[in-house]
Amino acid sequence: MLDKVRAKHPDMVLLHGGSPRGAERIAACWADSRKVAQVVFKPDWTKHRNAAPFKRNDRMLEALPIGVVVFPGSGIAANLADKAKKLGIPVWRFDGEPAPTAPTKAGNGAA
Protein backbone atom coordinates (compact mmCIF):
# COMPACT_ATOMS: atom_id res chain seq x y z
CA MET A 1 0.00 0.00 0.00
CA LEU A 2 2.67 2.53 0.99
CA ASP A 3 4.76 1.73 -2.08
CA LYS A 4 1.74 2.61 -4.23
CA VAL A 5 1.28 5.89 -2.37
CA ARG A 6 4.95 6.74 -2.81
CA ALA A 7 4.79 5.93 -6.53
CA LYS A 8 2.02 8.54 -6.85
CA HIS A 9 3.65 11.00 -4.44
CA PRO A 10 7.45 10.56 -4.51
CA ASP A 11 7.93 13.51 -2.15
CA MET A 12 5.52 12.11 0.45
CA VAL A 13 6.02 12.56 4.17
CA LEU A 14 4.72 9.81 6.44
CA LEU A 15 2.76 11.06 9.47
CA HIS A 16 2.18 8.50 12.20
CA GLY A 17 1.68 8.06 15.93
CA GLY A 18 5.03 6.49 16.77
CA SER A 19 3.67 3.28 18.28
CA PRO A 20 6.44 0.76 19.03
CA ARG A 21 4.45 -2.07 17.40
CA GLY A 22 1.66 -2.70 14.95
CA ALA A 23 0.87 -0.87 11.74
CA GLU A 24 2.58 2.36 12.79
CA ARG A 25 5.83 0.55 13.54
CA ILE A 26 5.65 -1.33 10.24
CA ALA A 27 5.03 1.95 8.39
CA ALA A 28 7.95 3.61 10.20
CA CYS A 29 10.27 0.73 9.24
CA TRP A 30 9.02 0.98 5.65
CA ALA A 31 9.83 4.71 5.63
CA ASP A 32 13.25 4.15 7.19
CA SER A 33 14.20 1.56 4.59
CA ARG A 34 13.12 3.85 1.74
CA LYS A 35 14.47 7.12 3.17
CA VAL A 36 10.97 8.62 3.33
CA ALA A 37 10.66 11.59 5.69
CA GLN A 38 8.53 10.99 8.78
CA VAL A 39 6.78 13.18 11.31
CA VAL A 40 5.86 11.39 14.53
CA PHE A 41 2.87 12.52 16.60
CA LYS A 42 3.11 10.68 19.91
CA PRO A 43 0.18 10.87 22.32
CA ASP A 44 0.78 13.14 25.32
CA TRP A 45 -0.46 10.81 28.05
CA THR A 46 0.57 13.17 30.87
CA LYS A 47 -1.41 16.10 29.52
CA HIS A 48 -4.44 14.33 28.02
CA ARG A 49 -4.61 10.99 29.87
CA ASN A 50 -7.16 8.65 28.20
CA ALA A 51 -7.94 11.22 25.52
CA ALA A 52 -4.27 11.33 24.43
CA PRO A 53 -4.55 9.24 21.26
CA PHE A 54 -7.63 11.15 20.14
CA LYS A 55 -5.92 14.50 20.73
CA ARG A 56 -2.94 13.11 18.81
CA ASN A 57 -5.29 12.36 15.90
CA ASP A 58 -6.39 16.01 15.98
CA ARG A 59 -2.76 17.17 15.83
CA MET A 60 -2.02 14.89 12.88
CA LEU A 61 -5.03 16.21 10.98
CA GLU A 62 -4.03 19.81 11.68
CA ALA A 63 -1.09 19.09 9.35
CA LEU A 64 -3.73 18.72 6.58
CA PRO A 65 -2.49 15.50 4.99
CA ILE A 66 -3.63 14.86 1.43
CA GLY A 67 -4.89 11.45 2.51
CA VAL A 68 -5.14 9.00 5.39
CA VAL A 69 -4.44 5.27 5.25
CA VAL A 70 -6.33 3.40 7.98
CA PHE A 71 -5.47 -0.07 9.22
CA PRO A 72 -8.17 -2.07 10.98
CA GLY A 73 -8.14 -2.79 14.67
CA SER A 74 -9.01 0.10 16.93
CA GLY A 75 -11.51 2.78 17.73
CA ILE A 76 -8.62 5.23 17.65
CA ALA A 77 -8.03 4.50 13.97
CA ALA A 78 -11.77 4.73 13.30
CA ASN A 79 -11.78 8.11 15.07
CA LEU A 80 -8.96 9.31 12.81
CA ALA A 81 -10.85 8.14 9.72
CA ASP A 82 -14.09 9.81 10.82
CA LYS A 83 -12.39 13.12 11.60
CA ALA A 84 -10.46 13.04 8.31
CA LYS A 85 -13.66 12.44 6.33
CA LYS A 86 -15.34 15.37 8.08
CA LEU A 87 -12.41 17.56 7.00
CA GLY A 88 -12.73 16.36 3.41
CA ILE A 89 -9.49 14.37 3.56
CA PRO A 90 -9.67 11.14 1.53
CA VAL A 91 -9.47 7.96 3.61
CA TRP A 92 -8.21 4.60 2.34
CA ARG A 93 -8.62 1.33 4.19
CA PHE A 94 -5.66 -1.06 4.35
CA ASP A 95 -7.45 -3.33 1.88
CA GLY A 96 -7.18 -0.53 -0.65
CA GLU A 97 -10.88 0.20 -0.82
CA PRO A 98 -12.01 3.77 -0.16
CA ALA A 99 -14.01 4.29 2.99
CA PRO A 100 -17.75 4.15 2.18
CA THR A 101 -18.25 7.89 2.66
CA ALA A 102 -14.78 9.07 1.60
CA PRO A 103 -14.96 12.18 -0.53
CA THR A 104 -13.23 12.15 -3.88
CA LYS A 105 -10.93 14.98 -4.83
CA ALA A 106 -9.38 15.27 -8.25
CA GLY A 107 -5.62 15.04 -8.05
CA ASN A 108 -5.42 13.99 -4.42
CA GLY A 109 -3.84 10.79 -3.19
CA ALA A 110 -2.79 9.42 0.16
CA ALA A 111 0.19 10.20 2.29
C-alpha atoms as a PDB file:
ATOM      1  CA  MET A   1       0.000   0.000   0.000  1.00  0.00           C
ATOM      2  CA  LEU A   2       2.670   2.532   0.989  1.00  0.00           C
ATOM      3  CA  ASP A   3       4.760   1.733  -2.077  1.00  0.00           C
ATOM      4  CA  LYS A   4       1.738   2.605  -4.229  1.00  0.00           C
ATOM      5  CA  VAL A   5       1.279   5.891  -2.366  1.00  0.00           C
ATOM      6  CA  ARG A   6       4.950   6.742  -2.811  1.00  0.00           C
ATOM      7  CA  ALA A   7       4.795   5.932  -6.528  1.00  0.00           C
ATOM      8  CA  LYS A   8       2.025   8.543  -6.853  1.00  0.00           C
ATOM      9  CA  HIS A   9       3.651  11.001  -4.437  1.00  0.00           C
ATOM     10  CA  PRO A  10       7.453  10.563  -4.515  1.00  0.00           C
ATOM     11  CA  ASP A  11       7.930  13.514  -2.155  1.00  0.00           C
ATOM     12  CA  MET A  12       5.516  12.107   0.448  1.00  0.00           C
ATOM     13  CA  VAL A  13       6.015  12.560   4.169  1.00  0.00           C
ATOM     14  CA  LEU A  14       4.717   9.809   6.440  1.00  0.00           C
ATOM     15  CA  LEU A  15       2.761  11.058   9.468  1.00  0.00           C
ATOM     16  CA  HIS A  16       2.183   8.498  12.204  1.00  0.00           C
ATOM     17  CA  GLY A  17       1.677   8.065  15.935  1.00  0.00           C
ATOM     18  CA  GLY A  18       5.030   6.486  16.766  1.00  0.00           C
ATOM     19  CA  SER A  19       3.672   3.281  18.281  1.00  0.00           C
ATOM     20  CA  PRO A  20       6.441   0.756  19.034  1.00  0.00           C
ATOM     21  CA  ARG A  21       4.451  -2.073  17.403  1.00  0.00           C
ATOM     22  CA  GLY A  22       1.664  -2.704  14.955  1.00  0.00           C
ATOM     23  CA  ALA A  23       0.872  -0.866  11.736  1.00  0.00           C
ATOM     24  CA  GLU A  24       2.579   2.358  12.788  1.00  0.00           C
ATOM     25  CA  ARG A  25       5.829   0.551  13.537  1.00  0.00           C
ATOM     26  CA  ILE A  26       5.650  -1.333  10.240  1.00  0.00           C
ATOM     27  CA  ALA A  27       5.034   1.948   8.392  1.00  0.00           C
ATOM     28  CA  ALA A  28       7.953   3.614  10.196  1.00  0.00           C
ATOM     29  CA  CYS A  29      10.272   0.727   9.237  1.00  0.00           C
ATOM     30  CA  TRP A  30       9.018   0.983   5.654  1.00  0.00           C
ATOM     31  CA  ALA A  31       9.830   4.708   5.625  1.00  0.00           C
ATOM     32  CA  ASP A  32      13.253   4.148   7.190  1.00  0.00           C
ATOM     33  CA  SER A  33      14.199   1.562   4.589  1.00  0.00           C
ATOM     34  CA  ARG A  34      13.124   3.855   1.737  1.00  0.00           C
ATOM     35  CA  LYS A  35      14.473   7.116   3.171  1.00  0.00           C
ATOM     36  CA  VAL A  36      10.973   8.623   3.331  1.00  0.00           C
ATOM     37  CA  ALA A  37      10.662  11.591   5.692  1.00  0.00           C
ATOM     38  CA  GLN A  38       8.533  10.995   8.784  1.00  0.00           C
ATOM     39  CA  VAL A  39       6.779  13.176  11.315  1.00  0.00           C
ATOM     40  CA  VAL A  40       5.860  11.392  14.533  1.00  0.00           C
ATOM     41  CA  PHE A  41       2.868  12.518  16.599  1.00  0.00           C
ATOM     42  CA  LYS A  42       3.111  10.676  19.912  1.00  0.00           C
ATOM     43  CA  PRO A  43       0.180  10.875  22.316  1.00  0.00           C
ATOM     44  CA  ASP A  44       0.778  13.144  25.321  1.00  0.00           C
ATOM     45  CA  TRP A  45      -0.459  10.809  28.048  1.00  0.00           C
ATOM     46  CA  THR A  46       0.572  13.171  30.865  1.00  0.00           C
ATOM     47  CA  LYS A  47      -1.413  16.097  29.521  1.00  0.00           C
ATOM     48  CA  HIS A  48      -4.444  14.326  28.019  1.00  0.00           C
ATOM     49  CA  ARG A  49      -4.613  10.989  29.866  1.00  0.00           C
ATOM     50  CA  ASN A  50      -7.160   8.649  28.203  1.00  0.00           C
ATOM     51  CA  ALA A  51      -7.939  11.224  25.517  1.00  0.00           C
ATOM     52  CA  ALA A  52      -4.270  11.333  24.431  1.00  0.00           C
ATOM     53  CA  PRO A  53      -4.545   9.236  21.256  1.00  0.00           C
ATOM     54  CA  PHE A  54      -7.634  11.147  20.137  1.00  0.00           C
ATOM     55  CA  LYS A  55      -5.917  14.503  20.729  1.00  0.00           C
ATOM     56  CA  ARG A  56      -2.938  13.113  18.815  1.00  0.00           C
ATOM     57  CA  ASN A  57      -5.286  12.364  15.903  1.00  0.00           C
ATOM     58  CA  ASP A  58      -6.388  16.007  15.981  1.00  0.00           C
ATOM     59  CA  ARG A  59      -2.763  17.170  15.830  1.00  0.00           C
ATOM     60  CA  MET A  60      -2.023  14.893  12.875  1.00  0.00           C
ATOM     61  CA  LEU A  61      -5.027  16.207  10.976  1.00  0.00           C
ATOM     62  CA  GLU A  62      -4.027  19.815  11.681  1.00  0.00           C
ATOM     63  CA  ALA A  63      -1.089  19.095   9.347  1.00  0.00           C
ATOM     64  CA  LEU A  64      -3.731  18.723   6.578  1.00  0.00           C
ATOM     65  CA  PRO A  65      -2.491  15.505   4.987  1.00  0.00           C
ATOM     66  CA  ILE A  66      -3.632  14.856   1.430  1.00  0.00           C
ATOM     67  CA  GLY A  67      -4.889  11.453   2.512  1.00  0.00           C
ATOM     68  CA  VAL A  68      -5.141   8.995   5.389  1.00  0.00           C
ATOM     69  CA  VAL A  69      -4.443   5.266   5.246  1.00  0.00           C
ATOM     70  CA  VAL A  70      -6.332   3.401   7.978  1.00  0.00           C
ATOM     71  CA  PHE A  71      -5.465  -0.066   9.221  1.00  0.00           C
ATOM     72  CA  PRO A  72      -8.174  -2.068  10.984  1.00  0.00           C
ATOM     73  CA  GLY A  73      -8.144  -2.789  14.667  1.00  0.00           C
ATOM     74  CA  SER A  74      -9.007   0.098  16.934  1.00  0.00           C
ATOM     75  CA  GLY A  75     -11.506   2.785  17.733  1.00  0.00           C
ATOM     76  CA  ILE A  76      -8.620   5.228  17.652  1.00  0.00           C
ATOM     77  CA  ALA A  77      -8.027   4.496  13.966  1.00  0.00           C
ATOM     78  CA  ALA A  78     -11.767   4.729  13.299  1.00  0.00           C
ATOM     79  CA  ASN A  79     -11.782   8.106  15.070  1.00  0.00           C
ATOM     80  CA  LEU A  80      -8.964   9.307  12.809  1.00  0.00           C
ATOM     81  CA  ALA A  81     -10.851   8.143   9.719  1.00  0.00           C
ATOM     82  CA  ASP A  82     -14.094   9.809  10.824  1.00  0.00           C
ATOM     83  CA  LYS A  83     -12.388  13.117  11.598  1.00  0.00           C
ATOM     84  CA  ALA A  84     -10.459  13.038   8.306  1.00  0.00           C
ATOM     85  CA  LYS A  85     -13.663  12.443   6.329  1.00  0.00           C
ATOM     86  CA  LYS A  86     -15.343  15.375   8.082  1.00  0.00           C
ATOM     87  CA  LEU A  87     -12.413  17.562   7.003  1.00  0.00           C
ATOM     88  CA  GLY A  88     -12.734  16.361   3.412  1.00  0.00           C
ATOM     89  CA  ILE A  89      -9.493  14.372   3.560  1.00  0.00           C
ATOM     90  CA  PRO A  90      -9.674  11.141   1.530  1.00  0.00           C
ATOM     91  CA  VAL A  91      -9.471   7.957   3.607  1.00  0.00           C
ATOM     92  CA  TRP A  92      -8.211   4.603   2.343  1.00  0.00           C
ATOM     93  CA  ARG A  93      -8.621   1.335   4.186  1.00  0.00           C
ATOM     94  CA  PHE A  94      -5.661  -1.057   4.349  1.00  0.00           C
ATOM     95  CA  ASP A  95      -7.445  -3.334   1.882  1.00  0.00           C
ATOM     96  CA  GLY A  96      -7.183  -0.530  -0.648  1.00  0.00           C
ATOM     97  CA  GLU A  97     -10.879   0.198  -0.817  1.00  0.00           C
ATOM     98  CA  PRO A  98     -12.005   3.768  -0.163  1.00  0.00           C
ATOM     99  CA  ALA A  99     -14.014   4.290   2.987  1.00  0.00           C
ATOM    100  CA  PRO A 100     -17.753   4.153   2.179  1.00  0.00           C
ATOM    101  CA  THR A 101     -18.254   7.889   2.659  1.00  0.00           C
ATOM    102  CA  ALA A 102     -14.782   9.066   1.602  1.00  0.00           C
ATOM    103  CA  PRO A 103     -14.962  12.177  -0.533  1.00  0.00           C
ATOM    104  CA  THR A 104     -13.227  12.151  -3.882  1.00  0.00           C
ATOM    105  CA  LYS A 105     -10.926  14.984  -4.826  1.00  0.00           C
ATOM    106  CA  ALA A 106      -9.375  15.272  -8.245  1.00  0.00           C
ATOM    107  CA  GLY A 107      -5.619  15.040  -8.049  1.00  0.00           C
ATOM    108  CA  ASN A 108      -5.417  13.990  -4.415  1.00  0.00           C
ATOM    109  CA  GLY A 109      -3.838  10.794  -3.186  1.00  0.00           C
ATOM    110  CA  ALA A 110      -2.788   9.425   0.164  1.00  0.00           C
ATOM    111  CA  ALA A 111       0.194  10.204   2.286  1.00  0.00           C
END
